C-alpha atoms as a PDB file:
ATOM      1  CA  MET A   1     -52.232 182.522 271.938  1.00  0.00           C
ATOM      2  CA  THR A   2     -54.453 182.216 275.021  1.00  0.00           C
ATOM      3  CA  SER A   3     -54.547 184.931 277.677  1.00  0.00           C
ATOM      4  CA  PHE A   4     -53.071 183.797 280.973  1.00  0.00           C
ATOM      5  CA  VAL A   5     -52.083 185.398 284.262  1.00  0.00           C
ATOM      6  CA  LEU A   6     -48.698 184.074 285.344  1.00  0.00           C
ATOM      7  CA  PRO A   7     -48.636 182.952 288.996  1.00  0.00           C
ATOM      8  CA  HIS A   8     -46.259 185.236 290.825  1.00  0.00           C
ATOM      9  CA  GLU A   9     -45.035 186.556 294.149  1.00  0.00           C
ATOM     10  CA  VAL A  10     -43.985 190.147 294.797  1.00  0.00           C
ATOM     11  CA  HIS A  11     -41.115 191.223 297.058  1.00  0.00           C
ATOM     12  CA  GLY A  12     -40.262 194.802 297.974  1.00  0.00           C
ATOM     13  CA  ASP A  13     -41.847 198.150 297.257  1.00  0.00           C
ATOM     14  CA  GLY A  14     -39.135 200.031 295.367  1.00  0.00           C
ATOM     15  CA  ALA A  15     -39.767 202.284 292.382  1.00  0.00           C
ATOM     16  CA  HIS A  16     -37.765 200.133 289.974  1.00  0.00           C
ATOM     17  CA  LYS A  17     -39.981 197.194 288.959  1.00  0.00           C
ATOM     18  CA  VAL A  18     -38.239 193.940 288.047  1.00  0.00           C
ATOM     19  CA  PHE A  19     -39.500 190.576 286.790  1.00  0.00           C
ATOM     20  CA  ALA A  20     -37.424 187.488 287.602  1.00  0.00           C
ATOM     21  CA  VAL A  21     -37.930 184.610 285.152  1.00  0.00           C
ATOM     22  CA  HIS A  22     -36.686 181.090 285.840  1.00  0.00           C
ATOM     23  CA  GLY A  23     -34.989 178.631 283.523  1.00  0.00           C
ATOM     24  CA  TRP A  24     -35.775 175.216 282.047  1.00  0.00           C
ATOM     25  CA  PHE A  25     -35.216 173.164 285.205  1.00  0.00           C
ATOM     26  CA  ALA A  26     -37.065 175.200 287.810  1.00  0.00           C
ATOM     27  CA  ASP A  27     -40.026 177.341 288.755  1.00  0.00           C
ATOM     28  CA  ARG A  28     -39.785 180.666 290.587  1.00  0.00           C
ATOM     29  CA  SER A  29     -38.158 178.888 293.547  1.00  0.00           C
ATOM     30  CA  ALA A  30     -34.971 179.049 291.457  1.00  0.00           C
ATOM     31  CA  TYR A  31     -34.448 182.447 293.089  1.00  0.00           C
ATOM     32  CA  ALA A  32     -34.921 181.231 296.677  1.00  0.00           C
ATOM     33  CA  ALA A  33     -31.249 181.579 297.626  1.00  0.00           C
ATOM     34  CA  VAL A  34     -31.061 185.250 296.641  1.00  0.00           C
ATOM     35  CA  LEU A  35     -34.392 186.384 298.108  1.00  0.00           C
ATOM     36  CA  PRO A  36     -33.199 187.240 301.645  1.00  0.00           C
ATOM     37  CA  ASP A  37     -30.590 189.723 300.427  1.00  0.00           C
ATOM     38  CA  LEU A  38     -32.360 191.630 297.653  1.00  0.00           C
ATOM     39  CA  ASP A  39     -32.721 195.395 297.988  1.00  0.00           C
ATOM     40  CA  ARG A  40     -36.452 195.729 298.589  1.00  0.00           C
ATOM     41  CA  THR A  41     -36.395 199.486 299.062  1.00  0.00           C
ATOM     42  CA  ALA A  42     -34.915 200.322 295.652  1.00  0.00           C
ATOM     43  CA  PHE A  43     -36.658 197.524 293.747  1.00  0.00           C
ATOM     44  CA  THR A  44     -39.930 195.647 293.541  1.00  0.00           C
ATOM     45  CA  TYR A  45     -39.324 192.093 292.352  1.00  0.00           C
ATOM     46  CA  ALA A  46     -42.022 189.879 290.862  1.00  0.00           C
ATOM     47  CA  LEU A  47     -40.995 186.213 290.600  1.00  0.00           C
ATOM     48  CA  VAL A  48     -43.107 184.315 288.083  1.00  0.00           C
ATOM     49  CA  ASP A  49     -43.960 180.729 287.168  1.00  0.00           C
ATOM     50  CA  LEU A  50     -43.992 180.198 283.417  1.00  0.00           C
ATOM     51  CA  ARG A  51     -46.624 177.917 281.896  1.00  0.00           C
ATOM     52  CA  GLY A  52     -45.813 174.307 282.744  1.00  0.00           C
ATOM     53  CA  TYR A  53     -44.028 175.149 285.996  1.00  0.00           C
ATOM     54  CA  GLY A  54     -44.835 175.589 289.677  1.00  0.00           C
ATOM     55  CA  ALA A  55     -48.307 176.981 290.259  1.00  0.00           C
ATOM     56  CA  ALA A  56     -48.734 177.052 286.461  1.00  0.00           C
ATOM     57  CA  ARG A  57     -47.710 173.415 286.081  1.00  0.00           C
ATOM     58  CA  ASP A  58     -51.050 172.433 284.548  1.00  0.00           C
ATOM     59  CA  ALA A  59     -51.485 175.536 282.395  1.00  0.00           C
ATOM     60  CA  VAL A  60     -51.981 174.860 278.707  1.00  0.00           C
ATOM     61  CA  GLY A  61     -50.049 176.781 276.106  1.00  0.00           C
ATOM     62  CA  SER A  62     -47.561 176.640 273.284  1.00  0.00           C
ATOM     63  CA  TYR A  63     -44.639 176.817 275.765  1.00  0.00           C
ATOM     64  CA  THR A  64     -42.603 179.268 273.727  1.00  0.00           C
ATOM     65  CA  THR A  65     -40.479 182.268 274.557  1.00  0.00           C
ATOM     66  CA  THR A  66     -42.836 184.472 272.541  1.00  0.00           C
ATOM     67  CA  GLU A  67     -45.854 183.326 274.535  1.00  0.00           C
ATOM     68  CA  ALA A  68     -43.946 183.900 277.783  1.00  0.00           C
ATOM     69  CA  ALA A  69     -42.986 187.433 276.745  1.00  0.00           C
ATOM     70  CA  VAL A  70     -46.622 188.252 276.000  1.00  0.00           C
ATOM     71  CA  ASP A  71     -47.642 186.725 279.349  1.00  0.00           C
ATOM     72  CA  LEU A  72     -45.151 188.997 281.124  1.00  0.00           C
ATOM     73  CA  VAL A  73     -46.503 192.105 279.423  1.00  0.00           C
ATOM     74  CA  GLU A  74     -50.039 191.111 280.444  1.00  0.00           C
ATOM     75  CA  LEU A  75     -48.879 190.632 284.038  1.00  0.00           C
ATOM     76  CA  ALA A  76     -47.141 194.021 283.957  1.00  0.00           C
ATOM     77  CA  ASP A  77     -50.439 195.587 282.894  1.00  0.00           C
ATOM     78  CA  ARG A  78     -52.262 193.897 285.765  1.00  0.00           C
ATOM     79  CA  LEU A  79     -49.627 195.047 288.251  1.00  0.00           C
ATOM     80  CA  GLY A  80     -49.757 198.583 286.874  1.00  0.00           C
ATOM     81  CA  TRP A  81     -46.129 198.490 285.770  1.00  0.00           C
ATOM     82  CA  GLN A  82     -45.704 200.789 282.777  1.00  0.00           C
ATOM     83  CA  ARG A  83     -41.957 200.237 282.606  1.00  0.00           C
ATOM     84  CA  PHE A  84     -39.908 197.444 284.096  1.00  0.00           C
ATOM     85  CA  SER A  85     -36.685 195.472 283.915  1.00  0.00           C
ATOM     86  CA  VAL A  86     -36.383 191.713 283.468  1.00  0.00           C
ATOM     87  CA  ILE A  87     -33.920 189.204 284.887  1.00  0.00           C
ATOM     88  CA  GLY A  88     -33.962 185.830 283.156  1.00  0.00           C
ATOM     89  CA  HIS A  89     -31.985 182.706 283.953  1.00  0.00           C
ATOM     90  CA  SER A  90     -30.968 180.453 281.045  1.00  0.00           C
ATOM     91  CA  MET A  91     -34.242 179.825 279.148  1.00  0.00           C
ATOM     92  CA  GLY A  92     -35.609 182.842 281.019  1.00  0.00           C
ATOM     93  CA  GLY A  93     -32.795 184.876 279.468  1.00  0.00           C
ATOM     94  CA  ALA A  94     -34.210 184.028 276.059  1.00  0.00           C
ATOM     95  CA  VAL A  95     -37.624 185.208 277.279  1.00  0.00           C
ATOM     96  CA  ALA A  96     -36.050 188.492 278.411  1.00  0.00           C
ATOM     97  CA  GLN A  97     -34.585 188.986 274.935  1.00  0.00           C
ATOM     98  CA  ARG A  98     -37.953 188.222 273.309  1.00  0.00           C
ATOM     99  CA  LEU A  99     -39.291 191.253 275.137  1.00  0.00           C
ATOM    100  CA  LEU A 100     -36.862 193.390 273.136  1.00  0.00           C
ATOM    101  CA  SER A 101     -39.125 192.802 270.138  1.00  0.00           C
ATOM    102  CA  VAL A 102     -42.483 192.286 271.892  1.00  0.00           C
ATOM    103  CA  ALA A 103     -42.435 195.419 274.084  1.00  0.00           C
ATOM    104  CA  PRO A 104     -39.124 197.316 273.776  1.00  0.00           C
ATOM    105  CA  HIS A 105     -40.703 200.599 274.885  1.00  0.00           C
ATOM    106  CA  ARG A 106     -41.692 199.026 278.209  1.00  0.00           C
ATOM    107  CA  LEU A 107     -38.191 197.818 279.106  1.00  0.00           C
ATOM    108  CA  ARG A 108     -35.742 199.671 281.304  1.00  0.00           C
ATOM    109  CA  ARG A 109     -33.007 197.020 281.363  1.00  0.00           C
ATOM    110  CA  ILE A 110     -32.600 193.288 280.834  1.00  0.00           C
ATOM    111  CA  VAL A 111     -30.289 190.877 282.615  1.00  0.00           C
ATOM    112  CA  GLY A 112     -29.471 187.396 281.403  1.00  0.00           C
ATOM    113  CA  VAL A 113     -27.982 185.003 283.957  1.00  0.00           C
ATOM    114  CA  SER A 114     -26.322 182.326 281.818  1.00  0.00           C
ATOM    115  CA  PRO A 115     -28.805 183.355 279.106  1.00  0.00           C
ATOM    116  CA  VAL A 116     -29.630 181.248 276.071  1.00  0.00           C
ATOM    117  CA  PRO A 117     -28.764 183.424 273.053  1.00  0.00           C
ATOM    118  CA  ALA A 118     -31.528 184.791 270.829  1.00  0.00           C
ATOM    119  CA  SER A 119     -30.089 182.581 268.097  1.00  0.00           C
ATOM    120  CA  GLY A 120     -30.999 179.468 270.081  1.00  0.00           C
ATOM    121  CA  LEU A 121     -28.604 176.751 271.179  1.00  0.00           C
ATOM    122  CA  PRO A 122     -27.991 173.924 268.703  1.00  0.00           C
ATOM    123  CA  LEU A 123     -27.854 170.504 270.381  1.00  0.00           C
ATOM    124  CA  PRO A 124     -26.475 168.067 267.815  1.00  0.00           C
ATOM    125  CA  GLY A 125     -26.431 164.278 267.942  1.00  0.00           C
ATOM    126  CA  GLU A 126     -26.197 162.632 271.352  1.00  0.00           C
ATOM    127  CA  GLN A 127     -26.401 165.999 273.074  1.00  0.00           C
ATOM    128  CA  GLY A 128     -29.819 166.573 271.551  1.00  0.00           C
ATOM    129  CA  VAL A 129     -30.985 163.146 272.695  1.00  0.00           C
ATOM    130  CA  LEU A 130     -29.672 163.794 276.216  1.00  0.00           C
ATOM    131  CA  PHE A 131     -31.690 167.003 276.489  1.00  0.00           C
ATOM    132  CA  ALA A 132     -34.835 165.683 274.801  1.00  0.00           C
ATOM    133  CA  ASP A 133     -34.968 162.582 276.984  1.00  0.00           C
ATOM    134  CA  ALA A 134     -34.453 164.667 280.131  1.00  0.00           C
ATOM    135  CA  ALA A 135     -38.214 165.199 280.081  1.00  0.00           C
ATOM    136  CA  HIS A 136     -38.713 161.668 281.407  1.00  0.00           C
ATOM    137  CA  ARG A 137     -35.228 160.598 282.542  1.00  0.00           C
ATOM    138  CA  PRO A 138     -34.096 162.043 285.911  1.00  0.00           C
ATOM    139  CA  GLU A 139     -30.573 160.786 285.292  1.00  0.00           C
ATOM    140  CA  ASN A 140     -30.370 162.996 282.201  1.00  0.00           C
ATOM    141  CA  ARG A 141     -31.400 166.041 284.192  1.00  0.00           C
ATOM    142  CA  ARG A 142     -28.724 165.253 286.741  1.00  0.00           C
ATOM    143  CA  ALA A 143     -26.052 164.815 284.055  1.00  0.00           C
ATOM    144  CA  ILE A 144     -26.936 168.167 282.489  1.00  0.00           C
ATOM    145  CA  ILE A 145     -26.838 170.027 285.806  1.00  0.00           C
ATOM    146  CA  ASP A 146     -23.541 168.363 286.729  1.00  0.00           C
ATOM    147  CA  PHE A 147     -21.925 169.165 283.376  1.00  0.00           C
ATOM    148  CA  THR A 148     -23.032 172.801 283.329  1.00  0.00           C
ATOM    149  CA  THR A 149     -21.617 173.414 286.821  1.00  0.00           C
ATOM    150  CA  GLY A 150     -18.193 172.037 285.913  1.00  0.00           C
ATOM    151  CA  SER A 151     -18.759 168.729 287.727  1.00  0.00           C
ATOM    152  CA  ARG A 152     -17.769 170.450 290.975  1.00  0.00           C
ATOM    153  CA  ARG A 153     -20.965 170.430 293.033  1.00  0.00           C
ATOM    154  CA  PRO A 154     -21.959 168.025 295.842  1.00  0.00           C
ATOM    155  CA  ALA A 155     -23.975 164.956 294.925  1.00  0.00           C
ATOM    156  CA  ALA A 156     -26.681 165.874 297.426  1.00  0.00           C
ATOM    157  CA  TRP A 157     -27.160 169.274 295.754  1.00  0.00           C
ATOM    158  CA  LEU A 158     -27.408 167.653 292.323  1.00  0.00           C
ATOM    159  CA  ASP A 159     -30.006 165.206 293.641  1.00  0.00           C
ATOM    160  CA  ARG A 160     -31.991 168.014 295.251  1.00  0.00           C
ATOM    161  CA  MET A 161     -31.969 170.049 292.044  1.00  0.00           C
ATOM    162  CA  VAL A 162     -33.275 167.073 290.094  1.00  0.00           C
ATOM    163  CA  ASP A 163     -35.992 166.326 292.648  1.00  0.00           C
ATOM    164  CA  LEU A 164     -37.173 169.945 292.606  1.00  0.00           C
ATOM    165  CA  SER A 165     -37.141 169.993 288.822  1.00  0.00           C
ATOM    166  CA  LEU A 166     -39.285 166.870 288.586  1.00  0.00           C
ATOM    167  CA  GLU A 167     -41.691 168.121 291.238  1.00  0.00           C
ATOM    168  CA  ARG A 168     -42.161 171.588 289.788  1.00  0.00           C
ATOM    169  CA  SER A 169     -42.353 170.990 286.036  1.00  0.00           C
ATOM    170  CA  ASP A 170     -44.776 169.176 283.781  1.00  0.00           C
ATOM    171  CA  ALA A 171     -42.905 166.641 281.634  1.00  0.00           C
ATOM    172  CA  LYS A 172     -44.757 167.438 278.399  1.00  0.00           C
ATOM    173  CA  ALA A 173     -44.354 171.184 278.865  1.00  0.00           C
ATOM    174  CA  PHE A 174     -40.692 170.680 279.806  1.00  0.00           C
ATOM    175  CA  ARG A 175     -40.106 168.850 276.520  1.00  0.00           C
ATOM    176  CA  ALA A 176     -42.015 171.455 274.500  1.00  0.00           C
ATOM    177  CA  TRP A 177     -40.040 174.317 276.022  1.00  0.00           C
ATOM    178  CA  LEU A 178     -36.833 172.731 274.739  1.00  0.00           C
ATOM    179  CA  ASP A 179     -37.934 173.148 271.122  1.00  0.00           C
ATOM    180  CA  SER A 180     -38.464 176.864 271.675  1.00  0.00           C
ATOM    181  CA  TRP A 181     -35.425 177.942 273.673  1.00  0.00           C
ATOM    182  CA  ALA A 182     -32.974 175.677 271.855  1.00  0.00           C
ATOM    183  CA  GLY A 183     -34.474 175.784 268.375  1.00  0.00           C
ATOM    184  CA  ASP A 184     -35.879 179.267 267.808  1.00  0.00           C
ATOM    185  CA  ASP A 185     -33.599 181.829 266.173  1.00  0.00           C
ATOM    186  CA  PHE A 186     -35.002 185.333 266.625  1.00  0.00           C
ATOM    187  CA  ARG A 187     -31.712 187.206 266.520  1.00  0.00           C
ATOM    188  CA  ALA A 188     -32.871 189.286 263.548  1.00  0.00           C
ATOM    189  CA  ASP A 189     -35.782 190.613 265.626  1.00  0.00           C
ATOM    190  CA  VAL A 190     -33.624 191.947 268.475  1.00  0.00           C
ATOM    191  CA  GLU A 191     -30.146 192.662 267.131  1.00  0.00           C
ATOM    192  CA  GLY A 192     -29.254 196.313 267.564  1.00  0.00           C
ATOM    193  CA  SER A 193     -31.670 196.911 270.439  1.00  0.00           C
ATOM    194  CA  GLU A 194     -30.640 199.955 272.485  1.00  0.00           C
ATOM    195  CA  VAL A 195     -32.045 198.583 275.748  1.00  0.00           C
ATOM    196  CA  PRO A 196     -29.142 198.194 278.216  1.00  0.00           C
ATOM    197  CA  ALA A 197     -28.426 194.466 278.505  1.00  0.00           C
ATOM    198  CA  LEU A 198     -26.234 192.677 281.028  1.00  0.00           C
ATOM    199  CA  ALA A 199     -25.083 189.083 280.598  1.00  0.00           C
ATOM    200  CA  VAL A 200     -23.797 187.315 283.720  1.00  0.00           C
ATOM    201  CA  ALA A 201     -21.995 184.078 282.888  1.00  0.00           C
ATOM    202  CA  GLY A 202     -20.427 181.531 285.191  1.00  0.00           C
ATOM    203  CA  GLU A 203     -16.899 180.684 284.155  1.00  0.00           C
ATOM    204  CA  LEU A 204     -17.413 177.044 285.194  1.00  0.00           C
ATOM    205  CA  ASP A 205     -20.252 176.625 282.689  1.00  0.00           C
ATOM    206  CA  PRO A 206     -18.824 175.095 279.490  1.00  0.00           C
ATOM    207  CA  ALA A 207     -22.070 175.622 277.574  1.00  0.00           C
ATOM    208  CA  LEU A 208     -23.377 179.169 278.146  1.00  0.00           C
ATOM    209  CA  SER A 209     -19.931 180.533 278.874  1.00  0.00           C
ATOM    210  CA  PRO A 210     -18.459 184.054 278.864  1.00  0.00           C
ATOM    211  CA  THR A 211     -16.884 183.167 275.513  1.00  0.00           C
ATOM    212  CA  LEU A 212     -20.285 182.391 273.995  1.00  0.00           C
ATOM    213  CA  MET A 213     -21.685 185.624 275.465  1.00  0.00           C
ATOM    214  CA  ARG A 214     -18.923 187.610 273.771  1.00  0.00           C
ATOM    215  CA  GLU A 215     -19.760 185.950 270.454  1.00  0.00           C
ATOM    216  CA  THR A 216     -23.500 186.545 270.763  1.00  0.00           C
ATOM    217  CA  TRP A 217     -24.887 188.940 273.381  1.00  0.00           C
ATOM    218  CA  MET A 218     -21.958 191.363 273.306  1.00  0.00           C
ATOM    219  CA  SER A 219     -21.885 191.570 269.524  1.00  0.00           C
ATOM    220  CA  TRP A 220     -25.649 192.110 269.121  1.00  0.00           C
ATOM    221  CA  TYR A 221     -26.565 194.737 271.697  1.00  0.00           C
ATOM    222  CA  PRO A 222     -24.898 198.177 271.485  1.00  0.00           C
ATOM    223  CA  ARG A 223     -25.392 198.806 275.220  1.00  0.00           C
ATOM    224  CA  ALA A 224     -24.370 195.329 276.339  1.00  0.00           C
ATOM    225  CA  GLU A 225     -22.231 194.464 279.345  1.00  0.00           C
ATOM    226  CA  LEU A 226     -20.717 191.148 280.383  1.00  0.00           C
ATOM    227  CA  VAL A 227     -19.643 189.967 283.821  1.00  0.00           C
ATOM    228  CA  GLY A 228     -18.011 186.581 284.348  1.00  0.00           C
ATOM    229  CA  LEU A 229     -18.332 184.914 287.747  1.00  0.00           C
ATOM    230  CA  PRO A 230     -15.181 182.836 288.377  1.00  0.00           C
ATOM    231  CA  CYS A 231     -16.705 180.529 291.014  1.00  0.00           C
ATOM    232  CA  ALA A 232     -20.071 179.903 289.332  1.00  0.00           C
ATOM    233  CA  GLY A 233     -21.340 177.536 286.710  1.00  0.00           C
ATOM    234  CA  HIS A 234     -24.836 177.648 285.243  1.00  0.00           C
ATOM    235  CA  TYR A 235     -26.681 178.214 288.543  1.00  0.00           C
ATOM    236  CA  ALA A 236     -25.225 181.413 289.977  1.00  0.00           C
ATOM    237  CA  MET A 237     -28.297 181.919 292.172  1.00  0.00           C
ATOM    238  CA  ASP A 238     -27.243 178.833 294.179  1.00  0.00           C
ATOM    239  CA  GLU A 239     -23.499 178.850 293.599  1.00  0.00           C
ATOM    240  CA  THR A 240     -22.599 182.515 294.190  1.00  0.00           C
ATOM    241  CA  PRO A 241     -25.766 184.294 295.344  1.00  0.00           C
ATOM    242  CA  LEU A 242     -24.168 187.363 296.941  1.00  0.00           C
ATOM    243  CA  GLU A 243     -21.901 188.056 293.971  1.00  0.00           C
ATOM    244  CA  LEU A 244     -24.873 187.696 291.658  1.00  0.00           C
ATOM    245  CA  ILE A 245     -27.043 190.106 293.651  1.00  0.00           C
ATOM    246  CA  ARG A 246     -24.330 192.750 293.785  1.00  0.00           C
ATOM    247  CA  THR A 247     -23.605 192.449 290.063  1.00  0.00           C
ATOM    248  CA  VAL A 248     -27.238 192.575 288.969  1.00  0.00           C
ATOM    249  CA  GLU A 249     -28.427 195.305 291.325  1.00  0.00           C
ATOM    250  CA  ASP A 250     -25.458 197.553 290.514  1.00  0.00           C
ATOM    251  CA  PHE A 251     -26.425 197.258 286.846  1.00  0.00           C
ATOM    252  CA  LEU A 252     -30.100 197.949 287.520  1.00  0.00           C
ATOM    253  CA  ARG A 253     -29.268 200.994 289.644  1.00  0.00           C
ATOM    254  CA  ALA A 254     -27.346 202.573 286.775  1.00  0.00           C
ATOM    255  CA  ASP A 255     -30.551 204.052 285.337  1.00  0.00           C
ATOM    256  CA  ALA A 256     -31.941 205.226 288.663  1.00  0.00           C
ATOM    257  CA  GLY A 257     -32.692 208.614 287.139  1.00  0.00           C
ATOM    258  CA  GLU A 258     -35.197 207.223 284.646  1.00  0.00           C
ATOM    259  CA  ALA A 259     -38.930 207.412 285.280  1.00  0.00           C
ATOM    260  CA  ALA A 260     -40.392 204.173 286.551  1.00  0.00           C
END
């Protein structure tokens, strides 16, 4: 596993340090819609680009959740963050859970926004082909985004999401990441973790739904919480940004008495 400094941008100067990790379709710009309204006095947010995305689009690697977790710990060391929380969207939620085994003593709290479970996400038959071919078929990316937002979003938004995804991800890395987040089952390595863990799930998302979170996240983590967002699908950052910020920051503030 090669050493690598994740490209990142830092917002705020609060005592509570927080990484924000994007999902399969985006780089750190996935959080653009929530940036203006984050609490920058209570928190310091570091938005990262995983290998294969954004400013790390050409970075070599194995493109796995384990590698990403190690990369985050290395970045924390460089930033001087002894303890930190992690927010992860979708695939990034799997990365956040990997940290429960890679560096549990460093974690304050984790938040998964429509997180992929630590058990992976089986994609049988035609569904598997749809996702695998999304690496080189824009129409597949669009179909996936449309489906996971309940087929309720404007066509122009869907097109913009696809264009950004194509622009900010490397196709080979994109395909390799799928094998890790969908295929790796590391539940045994994290089940029972005492790190407080919030899952935020959009009720319009038929895939990573509140029901799936109750069957996975809520049954694995003793200090787990679940919040369903009625008007969101898979992309709460875009669909319901203010509700997402309030939900996540209220959860992060709950351990305000801990040492940073």
